[in-house]
Amino acid sequence: QVQLVESGGGLVQTGGALRLSCVASGRTCSSYAMGWFRQAPGKEREVVAGISWSGISTYYADSMKGRFTISRDNAKNTVYLQMNSLKPEDTAVYYCAAAWGRSMIVRGMGEYDDWGQGTQVTVSS
């Protein structure tokens, strides 16, 4: 059984920063792509960023480019999301997800196998 556990969410003012972490534990694969997603109240879940197994390849949703950075430490089975210049519209529950056995970037939400429980990010104006 695999678990993904996010942490690092909280309340921050506009322009502030947060760093989210997601730790994978249990029967993880030798390689897996990771992604971050978010869901705001009343809205559909949307992609935030993704990263390949090596960490060399990344992608971001347009509204996050230049503000968010995804990275990973495979020795710690952990993926990070550094969020800078936060805006009220970034308020959402943030989820990490894993695509087991996939070394390249996975872009489709439906291609991810396991999801964390989410961590709340609230940006006040």
Protein backbone atom coordinates (compact mmCIF):
# COMPACT_ATOMS: atom_id res chain seq x y z
CA GLN A 1 0.00 0.00 0.00
CA VAL A 2 1.21 3.45 -0.89
CA GLN A 3 0.63 6.69 0.95
CA LEU A 4 1.16 10.24 -0.22
CA VAL A 5 1.15 12.81 2.54
CA GLU A 6 1.22 16.54 1.86
CA SER A 7 2.28 19.19 4.32
CA GLY A 8 3.25 22.84 4.40
CA GLY A 9 -0.07 24.49 3.69
CA GLY A 10 -1.38 27.38 5.73
CA LEU A 11 -2.51 30.98 5.76
CA VAL A 12 -0.33 33.58 4.07
CA GLN A 13 -0.78 37.17 2.92
CA THR A 14 -0.80 38.25 -0.70
CA GLY A 15 2.75 38.28 -2.02
CA GLY A 16 3.91 35.73 0.51
CA ALA A 17 5.42 32.30 -0.01
CA LEU A 18 4.84 28.73 1.06
CA ARG A 19 6.67 25.48 0.43
CA LEU A 20 4.59 22.34 0.14
CA SER A 21 6.02 18.87 0.61
CA CYS A 22 4.68 15.48 -0.39
CA VAL A 23 6.22 12.31 0.98
CA ALA A 24 5.57 8.95 -0.66
CA SER A 25 5.76 5.86 1.52
CA GLY A 26 4.98 2.19 1.19
CA ARG A 27 5.41 0.13 -1.96
CA THR A 28 6.65 2.85 -4.25
CA CYS A 29 8.06 2.00 -7.67
CA SER A 30 11.65 2.33 -8.73
CA SER A 31 10.63 5.34 -10.79
CA TYR A 32 7.55 7.50 -10.82
CA ALA A 33 6.44 10.87 -12.08
CA MET A 34 4.83 13.30 -9.66
CA GLY A 35 2.41 16.15 -9.99
CA TRP A 36 0.75 18.86 -7.98
CA PHE A 37 -2.88 19.81 -8.46
CA ARG A 38 -5.30 22.12 -6.71
CA GLN A 39 -9.00 22.54 -6.21
CA ALA A 40 -10.66 25.75 -5.14
CA PRO A 41 -14.18 25.81 -3.64
CA GLY A 42 -16.78 25.37 -6.33
CA LYS A 43 -14.20 24.74 -9.02
CA GLU A 44 -12.80 21.69 -10.75
CA ARG A 45 -9.43 20.27 -9.83
CA GLU A 46 -6.69 21.73 -12.01
CA VAL A 47 -3.10 20.97 -12.76
CA VAL A 48 -0.42 23.04 -11.07
CA ALA A 49 2.88 21.40 -12.03
CA GLY A 50 4.53 18.11 -12.87
CA ILE A 51 7.99 16.64 -12.70
CA SER A 52 9.75 13.66 -14.22
CA TRP A 53 11.49 10.99 -12.20
CA SER A 54 14.92 12.53 -12.83
CA GLY A 55 13.66 15.98 -11.95
CA ILE A 56 15.15 17.37 -15.15
CA SER A 57 11.81 17.87 -16.89
CA THR A 58 9.06 19.98 -15.40
CA TYR A 59 5.90 21.69 -16.56
CA TYR A 60 3.62 24.33 -15.09
CA ALA A 61 0.18 25.66 -15.70
CA ASP A 62 0.41 29.08 -17.31
CA SER A 63 -0.80 30.99 -14.26
CA MET A 64 1.93 29.42 -12.11
CA LYS A 65 4.89 29.94 -14.42
CA GLY A 66 7.53 32.13 -12.86
CA ARG A 67 5.94 31.94 -9.42
CA PHE A 68 5.92 28.22 -8.56
CA THR A 69 8.78 25.74 -8.66
CA ILE A 70 8.42 21.98 -8.46
CA SER A 71 11.36 19.84 -7.38
CA ARG A 72 12.03 16.44 -5.88
CA ASP A 73 14.45 14.54 -3.71
CA ASN A 74 14.23 10.88 -4.66
CA ALA A 75 16.42 9.81 -1.77
CA LYS A 76 13.67 11.11 0.51
CA ASN A 77 10.75 10.08 -1.73
CA THR A 78 9.65 13.69 -1.52
CA VAL A 79 8.39 16.24 -4.01
CA TYR A 80 8.20 19.95 -3.23
CA LEU A 81 6.25 22.90 -4.51
CA GLN A 82 7.76 26.28 -3.77
CA MET A 83 5.10 28.92 -4.19
CA ASN A 84 6.12 32.57 -4.33
CA SER A 85 4.21 35.79 -4.99
CA LEU A 86 1.01 34.15 -3.84
CA LYS A 87 -2.32 35.67 -4.82
CA PRO A 88 -5.80 35.25 -3.33
CA GLU A 89 -6.77 33.23 -6.39
CA ASP A 90 -4.17 30.64 -5.38
CA THR A 91 -6.37 29.73 -2.43
CA ALA A 92 -7.24 26.04 -2.77
CA VAL A 93 -6.59 22.58 -1.47
CA TYR A 94 -3.36 21.36 -3.00
CA TYR A 95 -2.88 17.69 -3.82
CA CYS A 96 0.13 15.69 -4.89
CA ALA A 97 -0.18 12.64 -7.09
CA ALA A 98 2.07 9.84 -8.30
CA ALA A 99 2.20 7.99 -11.61
CA TRP A 100 3.96 4.74 -10.80
CA GLY A 101 6.43 3.30 -13.24
CA ARG A 102 6.45 6.45 -15.33
CA SER A 103 9.81 8.17 -15.66
CA MET A 104 8.72 10.96 -17.99
CA ILE A 105 6.36 13.82 -17.21
CA VAL A 106 2.72 12.83 -16.92
CA ARG A 107 0.33 15.62 -17.86
CA GLY A 108 -3.07 14.00 -17.73
CA MET A 109 -4.81 14.04 -14.40
CA GLY A 110 -6.38 10.68 -15.12
CA GLU A 111 -2.97 9.08 -15.62
CA TYR A 112 -2.00 9.44 -11.98
CA ASP A 113 -2.44 6.40 -9.79
CA ASP A 114 -2.44 7.65 -6.22
CA TRP A 115 -3.31 10.94 -4.56
CA GLY A 116 -2.62 12.55 -1.24
CA GLN A 117 -5.30 13.86 1.08
CA GLY A 118 -4.53 17.47 0.28
CA THR A 119 -3.28 20.48 2.18
CA GLN A 120 -5.12 23.79 2.44
CA VAL A 121 -3.49 26.96 1.17
CA THR A 122 -5.24 30.22 1.97
CA VAL A 123 -3.97 33.55 0.65
CA SER A 124 -5.48 36.61 2.28
CA SER A 125 -5.83 39.91 0.46
